[in-house]
Amino acid sequence: MPELRKDPIIGRWVIISTERGKRPTDFHSTIKKKEPKLCPFCNSNESSTPPEVYAIRQNGSKPNSPGWSLRVVPNKFPALIIEGDLNREGVGIFDKMNGTGAHEVIIETPDHMKDLVDLEDEDFENVIRAYRDRILELRNDSRFKYILVFKNQGEAAGASLEHSHSQLIATPILPKRVMEELSGSEKYYNYKERCIYCDIIKQELNDNVRIVTSNDMFVALEPFASRFPFETWILPQFHESSFETIAEESIGKLVSILRETLKRISAALNNPPYNLMIHTSPLDNRYPKEYHWHIEIIPKLVRVAGFEWGTGFYINPTIPEDAAKFLKEVEI
């Protein structure tokens, strides 16, 4: 029988549609890379991108030249641009402002055929450090209120280039989804004087029916009210509101669980496209006790259609408990 489940953080309901339940073998979406022809992110093609704003290089190589293991460049076709003032204004009952912000691309490796999980530990850790360092740099700009780091893996997930990369967008306003999470977290904290994410982690570890994997610092789990099949969250087991405050000793542990989680998803679902997003506190860190940063990974397995757009409900054909069991048991 189908179930309605309520997200305890933002209060959104989802439908777990057991009547059209799907196993991993029922999904048919996979990424197959091709040898590059003209890829602007490949080694020796540095002139094809805007000048780098951050890079990890060896042997004293010069900026915007070969010899790098990671580069961060402004997006050539940015959603928001770094130049200019906001110039907020009203147009009758409507509000608008200039599209001021930042939009950067983190090129994770010079090797076109490698994905994030293929990187050596040090190179993978440097990707996490690049996320952290760019947020720390951009948060000094008073125009910005929020920074989202995300990865679109595969064309079906929104990637326009298959070379492994992530993106970062700094916005002058708080995104609606973030505001919903902050509001729900604040209400829970005001009522119970505890972080709702910390309570979720404690209960999930105790119940152990939606846990995928864990180590002494992080846990990967299938949310109780998952919107999508095999939606997976990775959370620090200790309370921390802002991703950019991650300690150096935590980076290796995060890489370990993130690599294992992505490998399990790949093995279970035949290397599907996916979206990965880091949810973190606003730059003013107004919610140090209430909010808890985390990573959300959503394999691109189903389409959002008319019912979802019309109601705000999501229909998930895979029970989260079954998804967790399958991911936990899959051989990697």
C-alpha atoms as a PDB file:
ATOM      1  CA  MET A   1       0.000   0.000   0.000  1.00  0.00           C
ATOM      2  CA  PRO A   2       1.391   3.492  -0.820  1.00  0.00           C
ATOM      3  CA  GLU A   3       2.568   5.682   2.059  1.00  0.00           C
ATOM      4  CA  LEU A   4       2.606   9.409   2.655  1.00  0.00           C
ATOM      5  CA  ARG A   5       5.720  10.440   4.577  1.00  0.00           C
ATOM      6  CA  LYS A   6       6.430  13.860   6.047  1.00  0.00           C
ATOM      7  CA  ASP A   7       9.873  15.438   5.908  1.00  0.00           C
ATOM      8  CA  PRO A   8      10.572  16.375   9.562  1.00  0.00           C
ATOM      9  CA  ILE A   9      12.685  19.399   8.597  1.00  0.00           C
ATOM     10  CA  ILE A  10      10.627  21.391   6.110  1.00  0.00           C
ATOM     11  CA  GLY A  11       7.253  19.666   6.530  1.00  0.00           C
ATOM     12  CA  ARG A  12       6.978  18.552   2.905  1.00  0.00           C
ATOM     13  CA  TRP A  13       5.022  15.371   2.227  1.00  0.00           C
ATOM     14  CA  VAL A  14       6.161  12.737  -0.271  1.00  0.00           C
ATOM     15  CA  ILE A  15       4.410   9.688  -1.663  1.00  0.00           C
ATOM     16  CA  ILE A  16       6.265   6.392  -1.354  1.00  0.00           C
ATOM     17  CA  SER A  17       4.498   4.555  -4.148  1.00  0.00           C
ATOM     18  CA  THR A  18       4.913   0.883  -3.323  1.00  0.00           C
ATOM     19  CA  GLU A  19       2.325   0.048  -6.009  1.00  0.00           C
ATOM     20  CA  ARG A  20       4.836   1.050  -8.669  1.00  0.00           C
ATOM     21  CA  GLY A  21       7.891   0.132  -6.649  1.00  0.00           C
ATOM     22  CA  LYS A  22      11.153  -0.229  -8.511  1.00  0.00           C
ATOM     23  CA  ARG A  23      14.296  -2.225  -7.829  1.00  0.00           C
ATOM     24  CA  PRO A  24      17.701  -0.971  -8.999  1.00  0.00           C
ATOM     25  CA  THR A  25      17.560  -3.268 -12.027  1.00  0.00           C
ATOM     26  CA  ASP A  26      14.416  -1.467 -13.204  1.00  0.00           C
ATOM     27  CA  PHE A  27      16.282   1.777 -13.862  1.00  0.00           C
ATOM     28  CA  HIS A  28      18.034   2.195 -17.199  1.00  0.00           C
ATOM     29  CA  SER A  29      20.209   5.308 -17.172  1.00  0.00           C
ATOM     30  CA  THR A  30      23.977   5.207 -17.342  1.00  0.00           C
ATOM     31  CA  ILE A  31      26.947   7.424 -18.193  1.00  0.00           C
ATOM     32  CA  LYS A  32      29.431   6.290 -20.827  1.00  0.00           C
ATOM     33  CA  LYS A  33      32.348   8.603 -21.464  1.00  0.00           C
ATOM     34  CA  LYS A  34      33.907   9.135 -24.867  1.00  0.00           C
ATOM     35  CA  GLU A  35      37.461  10.086 -25.737  1.00  0.00           C
ATOM     36  CA  PRO A  36      37.641  13.885 -25.881  1.00  0.00           C
ATOM     37  CA  LYS A  37      37.842  15.827 -29.104  1.00  0.00           C
ATOM     38  CA  LEU A  38      37.879  19.485 -28.140  1.00  0.00           C
ATOM     39  CA  CYS A  39      37.411  19.802 -24.380  1.00  0.00           C
ATOM     40  CA  PRO A  40      38.165  23.189 -22.773  1.00  0.00           C
ATOM     41  CA  PHE A  41      38.771  21.539 -19.397  1.00  0.00           C
ATOM     42  CA  CYS A  42      41.519  19.187 -20.568  1.00  0.00           C
ATOM     43  CA  ASN A  43      45.210  19.696 -19.887  1.00  0.00           C
ATOM     44  CA  SER A  44      46.882  22.043 -22.428  1.00  0.00           C
ATOM     45  CA  ASN A  45      43.541  23.705 -23.258  1.00  0.00           C
ATOM     46  CA  GLU A  46      43.828  26.331 -20.526  1.00  0.00           C
ATOM     47  CA  SER A  47      43.384  29.174 -23.020  1.00  0.00           C
ATOM     48  CA  SER A  48      39.854  27.911 -23.720  1.00  0.00           C
ATOM     49  CA  THR A  49      38.644  28.969 -20.253  1.00  0.00           C
ATOM     50  CA  PRO A  50      38.619  32.323 -18.459  1.00  0.00           C
ATOM     51  CA  PRO A  51      41.772  32.930 -16.346  1.00  0.00           C
ATOM     52  CA  GLU A  52      41.929  30.733 -13.265  1.00  0.00           C
ATOM     53  CA  VAL A  53      41.112  32.190  -9.842  1.00  0.00           C
ATOM     54  CA  TYR A  54      42.508  29.212  -7.913  1.00  0.00           C
ATOM     55  CA  ALA A  55      44.688  26.253  -8.820  1.00  0.00           C
ATOM     56  CA  ILE A  56      46.760  23.443  -7.368  1.00  0.00           C
ATOM     57  CA  ARG A  57      49.962  23.141  -9.374  1.00  0.00           C
ATOM     58  CA  GLN A  58      53.213  21.208  -9.316  1.00  0.00           C
ATOM     59  CA  ASN A  59      56.798  22.213 -10.008  1.00  0.00           C
ATOM     60  CA  GLY A  60      56.142  25.934 -10.031  1.00  0.00           C
ATOM     61  CA  SER A  61      54.098  25.842 -13.244  1.00  0.00           C
ATOM     62  CA  LYS A  62      52.694  29.179 -14.364  1.00  0.00           C
ATOM     63  CA  PRO A  63      49.017  30.133 -14.030  1.00  0.00           C
ATOM     64  CA  ASN A  64      46.785  29.239 -16.979  1.00  0.00           C
ATOM     65  CA  SER A  65      49.299  26.739 -18.343  1.00  0.00           C
ATOM     66  CA  PRO A  66      49.730  22.940 -18.076  1.00  0.00           C
ATOM     67  CA  GLY A  67      51.069  21.459 -14.857  1.00  0.00           C
ATOM     68  CA  TRP A  68      47.962  21.579 -12.671  1.00  0.00           C
ATOM     69  CA  SER A  69      45.952  18.938 -10.819  1.00  0.00           C
ATOM     70  CA  LEU A  70      42.939  21.171 -10.140  1.00  0.00           C
ATOM     71  CA  ARG A  71      41.781  24.530 -11.509  1.00  0.00           C
ATOM     72  CA  VAL A  72      38.952  26.893 -10.594  1.00  0.00           C
ATOM     73  CA  VAL A  73      37.830  29.304 -13.310  1.00  0.00           C
ATOM     74  CA  PRO A  74      34.885  31.672 -13.746  1.00  0.00           C
ATOM     75  CA  ASN A  75      32.074  30.063 -15.722  1.00  0.00           C
ATOM     76  CA  LYS A  76      32.321  31.191 -19.334  1.00  0.00           C
ATOM     77  CA  PHE A  77      28.531  31.439 -19.482  1.00  0.00           C
ATOM     78  CA  PRO A  78      27.656  32.548 -15.929  1.00  0.00           C
ATOM     79  CA  ALA A  79      24.216  32.516 -14.382  1.00  0.00           C
ATOM     80  CA  LEU A  80      25.303  35.551 -12.313  1.00  0.00           C
ATOM     81  CA  ILE A  81      28.204  37.949 -12.886  1.00  0.00           C
ATOM     82  CA  ILE A  82      30.692  39.247 -10.348  1.00  0.00           C
ATOM     83  CA  GLU A  83      30.699  42.863 -11.585  1.00  0.00           C
ATOM     84  CA  GLY A  84      28.210  45.531 -10.538  1.00  0.00           C
ATOM     85  CA  ASP A  85      25.939  46.590  -7.725  1.00  0.00           C
ATOM     86  CA  LEU A  86      22.652  44.961  -6.844  1.00  0.00           C
ATOM     87  CA  ASN A  87      20.501  48.039  -7.524  1.00  0.00           C
ATOM     88  CA  ARG A  88      17.345  46.661  -5.955  1.00  0.00           C
ATOM     89  CA  GLU A  89      14.197  48.318  -7.204  1.00  0.00           C
ATOM     90  CA  GLY A  90      10.464  47.904  -7.411  1.00  0.00           C
ATOM     91  CA  VAL A  91       8.446  47.799 -10.610  1.00  0.00           C
ATOM     92  CA  GLY A  92       4.899  48.251  -9.396  1.00  0.00           C
ATOM     93  CA  ILE A  93       4.191  45.242  -7.186  1.00  0.00           C
ATOM     94  CA  PHE A  94       7.249  43.405  -8.569  1.00  0.00           C
ATOM     95  CA  ASP A  95      10.838  43.430  -7.289  1.00  0.00           C
ATOM     96  CA  LYS A  96      14.042  43.046  -9.227  1.00  0.00           C
ATOM     97  CA  MET A  97      17.790  43.539  -8.922  1.00  0.00           C
ATOM     98  CA  ASN A  98      20.866  43.098 -11.073  1.00  0.00           C
ATOM     99  CA  GLY A  99      22.093  39.549 -11.627  1.00  0.00           C
ATOM    100  CA  THR A 100      25.152  40.052  -9.453  1.00  0.00           C
ATOM    101  CA  GLY A 101      26.896  37.069  -7.922  1.00  0.00           C
ATOM    102  CA  ALA A 102      29.660  34.605  -8.698  1.00  0.00           C
ATOM    103  CA  HIS A 103      29.644  31.482 -10.852  1.00  0.00           C
ATOM    104  CA  GLU A 104      32.776  29.338 -10.871  1.00  0.00           C
ATOM    105  CA  VAL A 105      33.772  25.939 -12.244  1.00  0.00           C
ATOM    106  CA  ILE A 106      35.982  23.572 -10.246  1.00  0.00           C
ATOM    107  CA  ILE A 107      37.826  21.412 -12.791  1.00  0.00           C
ATOM    108  CA  GLU A 108      38.607  18.392 -10.648  1.00  0.00           C
ATOM    109  CA  THR A 109      41.277  16.703 -12.766  1.00  0.00           C
ATOM    110  CA  PRO A 110      43.245  17.305 -15.987  1.00  0.00           C
ATOM    111  CA  ASP A 111      42.378  13.747 -17.100  1.00  0.00           C
ATOM    112  CA  HIS A 112      39.225  13.739 -19.213  1.00  0.00           C
ATOM    113  CA  MET A 113      38.475  10.057 -18.639  1.00  0.00           C
ATOM    114  CA  LYS A 114      38.592  10.192 -14.827  1.00  0.00           C
ATOM    115  CA  ASP A 115      35.574  10.780 -12.619  1.00  0.00           C
ATOM    116  CA  LEU A 116      35.624  12.112  -9.075  1.00  0.00           C
ATOM    117  CA  VAL A 117      35.732   8.626  -7.542  1.00  0.00           C
ATOM    118  CA  ASP A 118      38.733   7.698  -9.707  1.00  0.00           C
ATOM    119  CA  LEU A 119      40.982  10.352  -8.164  1.00  0.00           C
ATOM    120  CA  GLU A 120      43.774   9.513  -5.744  1.00  0.00           C
ATOM    121  CA  ASP A 121      42.988  10.375  -2.128  1.00  0.00           C
ATOM    122  CA  GLU A 122      45.134  13.519  -2.166  1.00  0.00           C
ATOM    123  CA  ASP A 123      43.524  14.795  -5.363  1.00  0.00           C
ATOM    124  CA  PHE A 124      40.015  14.042  -4.067  1.00  0.00           C
ATOM    125  CA  GLU A 125      40.843  15.828  -0.814  1.00  0.00           C
ATOM    126  CA  ASN A 126      42.063  18.815  -2.817  1.00  0.00           C
ATOM    127  CA  VAL A 127      38.632  19.041  -4.460  1.00  0.00           C
ATOM    128  CA  ILE A 128      37.071  19.368  -0.994  1.00  0.00           C
ATOM    129  CA  ARG A 129      39.712  21.942  -0.042  1.00  0.00           C
ATOM    130  CA  ALA A 130      38.940  23.925  -3.195  1.00  0.00           C
ATOM    131  CA  TYR A 131      35.248  24.004  -2.245  1.00  0.00           C
ATOM    132  CA  ARG A 132      36.177  25.219   1.232  1.00  0.00           C
ATOM    133  CA  ASP A 133      38.751  27.775   0.119  1.00  0.00           C
ATOM    134  CA  ARG A 134      36.551  29.348  -2.549  1.00  0.00           C
ATOM    135  CA  ILE A 135      33.659  29.743  -0.093  1.00  0.00           C
ATOM    136  CA  LEU A 136      36.021  31.328   2.443  1.00  0.00           C
ATOM    137  CA  GLU A 137      37.257  33.754  -0.221  1.00  0.00           C
ATOM    138  CA  LEU A 138      33.857  34.700  -1.605  1.00  0.00           C
ATOM    139  CA  ARG A 139      32.170  35.086   1.760  1.00  0.00           C
ATOM    140  CA  ASN A 140      34.208  38.281   2.207  1.00  0.00           C
ATOM    141  CA  ASP A 141      32.036  39.924  -0.445  1.00  0.00           C
ATOM    142  CA  SER A 142      29.197  41.664   1.404  1.00  0.00           C
ATOM    143  CA  ARG A 143      26.906  41.407  -1.636  1.00  0.00           C
ATOM    144  CA  PHE A 144      26.611  37.631  -1.250  1.00  0.00           C
ATOM    145  CA  LYS A 145      24.215  35.892   1.122  1.00  0.00           C
ATOM    146  CA  TYR A 146      24.603  32.245   0.133  1.00  0.00           C
ATOM    147  CA  ILE A 147      27.000  29.954  -1.729  1.00  0.00           C
ATOM    148  CA  LEU A 148      25.961  26.630  -3.216  1.00  0.00           C
ATOM    149  CA  VAL A 149      28.522  24.076  -4.360  1.00  0.00           C
ATOM    150  CA  PHE A 150      27.057  21.439  -6.656  1.00  0.00           C
ATOM    151  CA  LYS A 151      28.026  18.776  -9.178  1.00  0.00           C
ATOM    152  CA  ASN A 152      25.990  17.693 -12.195  1.00  0.00           C
ATOM    153  CA  GLN A 153      27.332  14.313 -13.304  1.00  0.00           C
ATOM    154  CA  GLY A 154      26.138  13.314 -16.746  1.00  0.00           C
ATOM    155  CA  GLU A 155      24.092  15.042 -19.425  1.00  0.00           C
ATOM    156  CA  ALA A 156      20.779  13.899 -17.947  1.00  0.00           C
ATOM    157  CA  ALA A 157      21.750  15.602 -14.681  1.00  0.00           C
ATOM    158  CA  GLY A 158      22.477  18.907 -16.431  1.00  0.00           C
ATOM    159  CA  ALA A 159      26.197  18.668 -17.247  1.00  0.00           C
ATOM    160  CA  SER A 160      27.036  20.403 -20.534  1.00  0.00           C
ATOM    161  CA  LEU A 161      30.583  18.969 -20.561  1.00  0.00           C
ATOM    162  CA  GLU A 162      31.457  15.424 -19.541  1.00  0.00           C
ATOM    163  CA  HIS A 163      34.921  16.297 -18.144  1.00  0.00           C
ATOM    164  CA  SER A 164      34.632  15.876 -14.376  1.00  0.00           C
ATOM    165  CA  HIS A 165      33.854  19.197 -12.719  1.00  0.00           C
ATOM    166  CA  SER A 166      31.791  20.885 -10.031  1.00  0.00           C
ATOM    167  CA  GLN A 167      30.309  24.360  -9.847  1.00  0.00           C
ATOM    168  CA  LEU A 168      29.865  27.103  -7.290  1.00  0.00           C
ATOM    169  CA  ILE A 169      27.294  29.890  -7.383  1.00  0.00           C
ATOM    170  CA  ALA A 170      27.193  32.769  -4.898  1.00  0.00           C
ATOM    171  CA  THR A 171      23.819  34.510  -4.709  1.00  0.00           C
ATOM    172  CA  PRO A 172      22.757  37.893  -3.268  1.00  0.00           C
ATOM    173  CA  ILE A 173      19.594  36.342  -1.777  1.00  0.00           C
ATOM    174  CA  LEU A 174      18.815  33.199   0.201  1.00  0.00           C
ATOM    175  CA  PRO A 175      17.372  30.412  -1.981  1.00  0.00           C
ATOM    176  CA  LYS A 176      13.817  29.338  -1.121  1.00  0.00           C
ATOM    177  CA  ARG A 177      14.821  25.731  -0.365  1.00  0.00           C
ATOM    178  CA  VAL A 178      17.530  26.924   2.031  1.00  0.00           C
ATOM    179  CA  MET A 179      15.060  29.249   3.766  1.00  0.00           C
ATOM    180  CA  GLU A 180      12.659  26.332   4.244  1.00  0.00           C
ATOM    181  CA  GLU A 181      15.395  24.222   5.837  1.00  0.00           C
ATOM    182  CA  LEU A 182      16.508  27.094   8.070  1.00  0.00           C
ATOM    183  CA  SER A 183      12.948  27.823   9.162  1.00  0.00           C
ATOM    184  CA  GLY A 184      12.235  24.177   9.981  1.00  0.00           C
ATOM    185  CA  SER A 185      15.531  23.799  11.831  1.00  0.00           C
ATOM    186  CA  GLU A 186      14.909  26.969  13.842  1.00  0.00           C
ATOM    187  CA  LYS A 187      11.384  25.931  14.849  1.00  0.00           C
ATOM    188  CA  TYR A 188      12.622  22.527  16.007  1.00  0.00           C
ATOM    189  CA  TYR A 189      15.502  24.046  17.964  1.00  0.00           C
ATOM    190  CA  ASN A 190      13.250  26.646  19.634  1.00  0.00           C
ATOM    191  CA  TYR A 191      10.910  23.858  20.734  1.00  0.00           C
ATOM    192  CA  LYS A 192      13.413  21.193  21.801  1.00  0.00           C
ATOM    193  CA  GLU A 193      16.717  23.111  22.150  1.00  0.00           C
ATOM    194  CA  ARG A 194      18.372  20.498  19.947  1.00  0.00           C
ATOM    195  CA  CYS A 195      19.453  20.343  16.309  1.00  0.00           C
ATOM    196  CA  ILE A 196      16.944  18.365  14.248  1.00  0.00           C
ATOM    197  CA  TYR A 197      19.704  16.943  12.051  1.00  0.00           C
ATOM    198  CA  CYS A 198      21.611  15.716  15.110  1.00  0.00           C
ATOM    199  CA  ASP A 199      18.429  14.024  16.330  1.00  0.00           C
ATOM    200  CA  ILE A 200      17.850  12.446  12.909  1.00  0.00           C
ATOM    201  CA  ILE A 201      21.404  11.086  12.862  1.00  0.00           C
ATOM    202  CA  LYS A 202      21.030   9.655  16.367  1.00  0.00           C
ATOM    203  CA  GLN A 203      17.732   7.935  15.523  1.00  0.00           C
ATOM    204  CA  GLU A 204      18.935   6.625  12.149  1.00  0.00           C
ATOM    205  CA  LEU A 205      22.083   5.134  13.672  1.00  0.00           C
ATOM    206  CA  ASN A 206      19.969   3.529  16.388  1.00  0.00           C
ATOM    207  CA  ASP A 207      17.331   2.153  13.984  1.00  0.00           C
ATOM    208  CA  ASN A 208      19.916   1.158  11.328  1.00  0.00           C
ATOM    209  CA  VAL A 209      17.342   0.595   8.584  1.00  0.00           C
ATOM    210  CA  ARG A 210      18.197   3.549   6.333  1.00  0.00           C
ATOM    211  CA  ILE A 211      21.964   3.724   6.963  1.00  0.00           C
ATOM    212  CA  VAL A 212      24.142   3.080   3.901  1.00  0.00           C
ATOM    213  CA  THR A 213      27.554   3.431   5.534  1.00  0.00           C
ATOM    214  CA  SER A 214      29.316   5.413   8.253  1.00  0.00           C
ATOM    215  CA  ASN A 215      32.658   6.164   9.851  1.00  0.00           C
ATOM    216  CA  ASP A 216      33.558   7.874  13.107  1.00  0.00           C
ATOM    217  CA  MET A 217      32.918  11.345  11.652  1.00  0.00           C
ATOM    218  CA  PHE A 218      30.240  11.004   8.937  1.00  0.00           C
ATOM    219  CA  VAL A 219      27.150   8.986   8.087  1.00  0.00           C
ATOM    220  CA  ALA A 220      25.450   8.258   4.743  1.00  0.00           C
ATOM    221  CA  LEU A 221      21.737   7.504   4.827  1.00  0.00           C
ATOM    222  CA  GLU A 222      18.516   7.362   2.823  1.00  0.00           C
ATOM    223  CA  PRO A 223      16.153  10.062   4.190  1.00  0.00           C
ATOM    224  CA  PHE A 224      12.892   8.835   5.713  1.00  0.00           C
ATOM    225  CA  ALA A 225      10.879  11.015   3.304  1.00  0.00           C
ATOM    226  CA  SER A 226      13.110  10.605   0.257  1.00  0.00           C
ATOM    227  CA  ARG A 227      11.880  12.555  -2.763  1.00  0.00           C
ATOM    228  CA  PHE A 228      13.659  10.367  -5.287  1.00  0.00           C
ATOM    229  CA  PRO A 229      14.850   6.749  -5.595  1.00  0.00           C
ATOM    230  CA  PHE A 230      18.217   6.300  -3.867  1.00  0.00           C
ATOM    231  CA  GLU A 231      18.362   9.912  -2.673  1.00  0.00           C
ATOM    232  CA  THR A 232      21.298   9.829  -0.249  1.00  0.00           C
ATOM    233  CA  TRP A 233      22.508  12.286   2.378  1.00  0.00           C
ATOM    234  CA  ILE A 234      25.958  12.498   3.950  1.00  0.00           C
ATOM    235  CA  LEU A 235      26.110  14.331   7.275  1.00  0.00           C
ATOM    236  CA  PRO A 236      28.817  15.019   9.859  1.00  0.00           C
ATOM    237  CA  GLN A 237      28.041  13.094  13.050  1.00  0.00           C
ATOM    238  CA  PHE A 238      29.217  16.081  15.117  1.00  0.00           C
ATOM    239  CA  HIS A 239      27.276  19.341  14.982  1.00  0.00           C
ATOM    240  CA  GLU A 240      28.615  21.807  12.428  1.00  0.00           C
ATOM    241  CA  SER A 241      26.525  24.415  10.636  1.00  0.00           C
ATOM    242  CA  SER A 242      28.895  25.667   7.921  1.00  0.00           C
ATOM    243  CA  PHE A 243      30.718  23.426   5.457  1.00  0.00           C
ATOM    244  CA  GLU A 244      33.613  25.886   5.065  1.00  0.00           C
ATOM    245  CA  THR A 245      34.589  25.435   8.715  1.00  0.00           C
ATOM    246  CA  ILE A 246      35.440  21.773   8.058  1.00  0.00           C
ATOM    247  CA  ALA A 247      38.613  20.823   9.916  1.00  0.00           C
ATOM    248  CA  GLU A 248      41.596  19.540   8.003  1.00  0.00           C
ATOM    249  CA  GLU A 249      41.450  16.218   9.867  1.00  0.00           C
ATOM    250  CA  SER A 250      37.832  15.737   8.748  1.00  0.00           C
ATOM    251  CA  ILE A 251      38.528  16.086   5.016  1.00  0.00           C
ATOM    252  CA  GLY A 252      40.022  12.617   4.626  1.00  0.00           C
ATOM    253  CA  LYS A 253      37.049  11.040   6.431  1.00  0.00           C
ATOM    254  CA  LEU A 254      34.621  12.942   4.225  1.00  0.00           C
ATOM    255  CA  VAL A 255      36.442  11.825   1.085  1.00  0.00           C
ATOM    256  CA  SER A 256      36.368   8.224   2.313  1.00  0.00           C
ATOM    257  CA  ILE A 257      32.603   8.109   2.871  1.00  0.00           C
ATOM    258  CA  LEU A 258      31.811  10.187  -0.209  1.00  0.00           C
ATOM    259  CA  ARG A 259      33.913   7.909  -2.413  1.00  0.00           C
ATOM    260  CA  GLU A 260      32.320   4.772  -0.939  1.00  0.00           C
ATOM    261  CA  THR A 261      28.804   6.183  -1.290  1.00  0.00           C
ATOM    262  CA  LEU A 262      29.305   7.206  -4.916  1.00  0.00           C
ATOM    263  CA  LYS A 263      30.828   3.808  -5.696  1.00  0.00           C
ATOM    264  CA  ARG A 264      27.869   2.024  -4.130  1.00  0.00           C
ATOM    265  CA  ILE A 265      25.408   4.127  -6.128  1.00  0.00           C
ATOM    266  CA  SER A 266      27.395   3.484  -9.296  1.00  0.00           C
ATOM    267  CA  ALA A 267      27.604  -0.276  -8.688  1.00  0.00           C
ATOM    268  CA  ALA A 268      23.928  -0.584  -7.728  1.00  0.00           C
ATOM    269  CA  LEU A 269      22.529   1.578 -10.531  1.00  0.00           C
ATOM    270  CA  ASN A 270      25.018   1.037 -13.371  1.00  0.00           C
ATOM    271  CA  ASN A 271      26.822   4.388 -13.112  1.00  0.00           C
ATOM    272  CA  PRO A 272      23.801   6.708 -13.278  1.00  0.00           C
ATOM    273  CA  PRO A 273      23.807  10.472 -13.802  1.00  0.00           C
ATOM    274  CA  TYR A 274      23.449  12.301 -10.507  1.00  0.00           C
ATOM    275  CA  ASN A 275      23.280  15.693  -8.830  1.00  0.00           C
ATOM    276  CA  LEU A 276      25.355  16.402  -5.742  1.00  0.00           C
ATOM    277  CA  MET A 277      24.756  19.508  -3.610  1.00  0.00           C
ATOM    278  CA  ILE A 278      26.334  20.846  -0.436  1.00  0.00           C
ATOM    279  CA  HIS A 279      23.705  22.403   1.813  1.00  0.00           C
ATOM    280  CA  THR A 280      25.391  24.795   4.226  1.00  0.00           C
ATOM    281  CA  SER A 281      24.500  27.725   6.455  1.00  0.00           C
ATOM    282  CA  PRO A 282      24.058  31.251   5.037  1.00  0.00           C
ATOM    283  CA  LEU A 283      27.227  33.320   4.961  1.00  0.00           C
ATOM    284  CA  ASP A 284      26.215  35.372   7.996  1.00  0.00           C
ATOM    285  CA  ASN A 285      25.956  32.093   9.966  1.00  0.00           C
ATOM    286  CA  ARG A 286      22.836  33.194  11.826  1.00  0.00           C
ATOM    287  CA  TYR A 287      21.989  29.604  12.704  1.00  0.00           C
ATOM    288  CA  PRO A 288      25.101  28.130  14.362  1.00  0.00           C
ATOM    289  CA  LYS A 289      23.117  25.881  16.738  1.00  0.00           C
ATOM    290  CA  GLU A 290      20.043  25.218  14.626  1.00  0.00           C
ATOM    291  CA  TYR A 291      21.416  24.256  11.198  1.00  0.00           C
ATOM    292  CA  HIS A 292      23.629  21.313  10.194  1.00  0.00           C
ATOM    293  CA  TRP A 293      25.477  21.194   6.878  1.00  0.00           C
ATOM    294  CA  HIS A 294      25.136  18.103   4.723  1.00  0.00           C
ATOM    295  CA  ILE A 295      25.591  16.730   1.214  1.00  0.00           C
ATOM    296  CA  GLU A 296      22.640  15.538  -0.857  1.00  0.00           C
ATOM    297  CA  ILE A 297      23.163  13.094  -3.732  1.00  0.00           C
ATOM    298  CA  ILE A 298      20.254  12.482  -6.099  1.00  0.00           C
ATOM    299  CA  PRO A 299      20.673   9.879  -8.860  1.00  0.00           C
ATOM    300  CA  LYS A 300      18.804  10.947 -11.989  1.00  0.00           C
ATOM    301  CA  LEU A 301      16.442   7.983 -12.309  1.00  0.00           C
ATOM    302  CA  VAL A 302      12.932   9.410 -12.639  1.00  0.00           C
ATOM    303  CA  ARG A 303      11.376  12.475 -14.200  1.00  0.00           C
ATOM    304  CA  VAL A 304       9.595  15.230 -12.340  1.00  0.00           C
ATOM    305  CA  ALA A 305       6.272  15.565 -14.154  1.00  0.00           C
ATOM    306  CA  GLY A 306       2.911  17.330 -13.990  1.00  0.00           C
ATOM    307  CA  PHE A 307       1.751  16.005 -10.623  1.00  0.00           C
ATOM    308  CA  GLU A 308       4.970  17.073  -8.909  1.00  0.00           C
ATOM    309  CA  TRP A 309       4.986  20.511 -10.533  1.00  0.00           C
ATOM    310  CA  GLY A 310       1.298  21.020  -9.818  1.00  0.00           C
ATOM    311  CA  THR A 311       1.243  19.911  -6.193  1.00  0.00           C
ATOM    312  CA  GLY A 312       4.742  20.096  -4.757  1.00  0.00           C
ATOM    313  CA  PHE A 313       4.425  16.399  -3.851  1.00  0.00           C
ATOM    314  CA  TYR A 314       7.122  14.010  -5.028  1.00  0.00           C
ATOM    315  CA  ILE A 315       6.348  10.398  -5.939  1.00  0.00           C
ATOM    316  CA  ASN A 316       9.177   8.024  -5.036  1.00  0.00           C
ATOM    317  CA  PRO A 317       8.747   4.484  -6.427  1.00  0.00           C
ATOM    318  CA  THR A 318      11.536   3.018  -4.270  1.00  0.00           C
ATOM    319  CA  ILE A 319      11.154   2.535  -0.515  1.00  0.00           C
ATOM    320  CA  PRO A 320      14.118   4.229   1.265  1.00  0.00           C
ATOM    321  CA  GLU A 321      14.644   1.211   3.518  1.00  0.00           C
ATOM    322  CA  ASP A 322      14.976  -1.047   0.463  1.00  0.00           C
ATOM    323  CA  ALA A 323      17.341   1.420  -1.197  1.00  0.00           C
ATOM    324  CA  ALA A 324      19.562   1.537   1.897  1.00  0.00           C
ATOM    325  CA  LYS A 325      19.662  -2.251   2.150  1.00  0.00           C
ATOM    326  CA  PHE A 326      20.584  -2.632  -1.511  1.00  0.00           C
ATOM    327  CA  LEU A 327      23.322   0.043  -1.372  1.00  0.00           C
ATOM    328  CA  LYS A 328      24.729  -1.441   1.823  1.00  0.00           C
ATOM    329  CA  GLU A 329      24.926  -4.937   0.366  1.00  0.00           C
ATOM    330  CA  VAL A 330      26.113  -4.162  -3.179  1.00  0.00           C
ATOM    331  CA  GLU A 331      29.660  -5.278  -3.969  1.00  0.00           C
ATOM    332  CA  ILE A 332      32.104  -2.469  -4.813  1.00  0.00           C
END
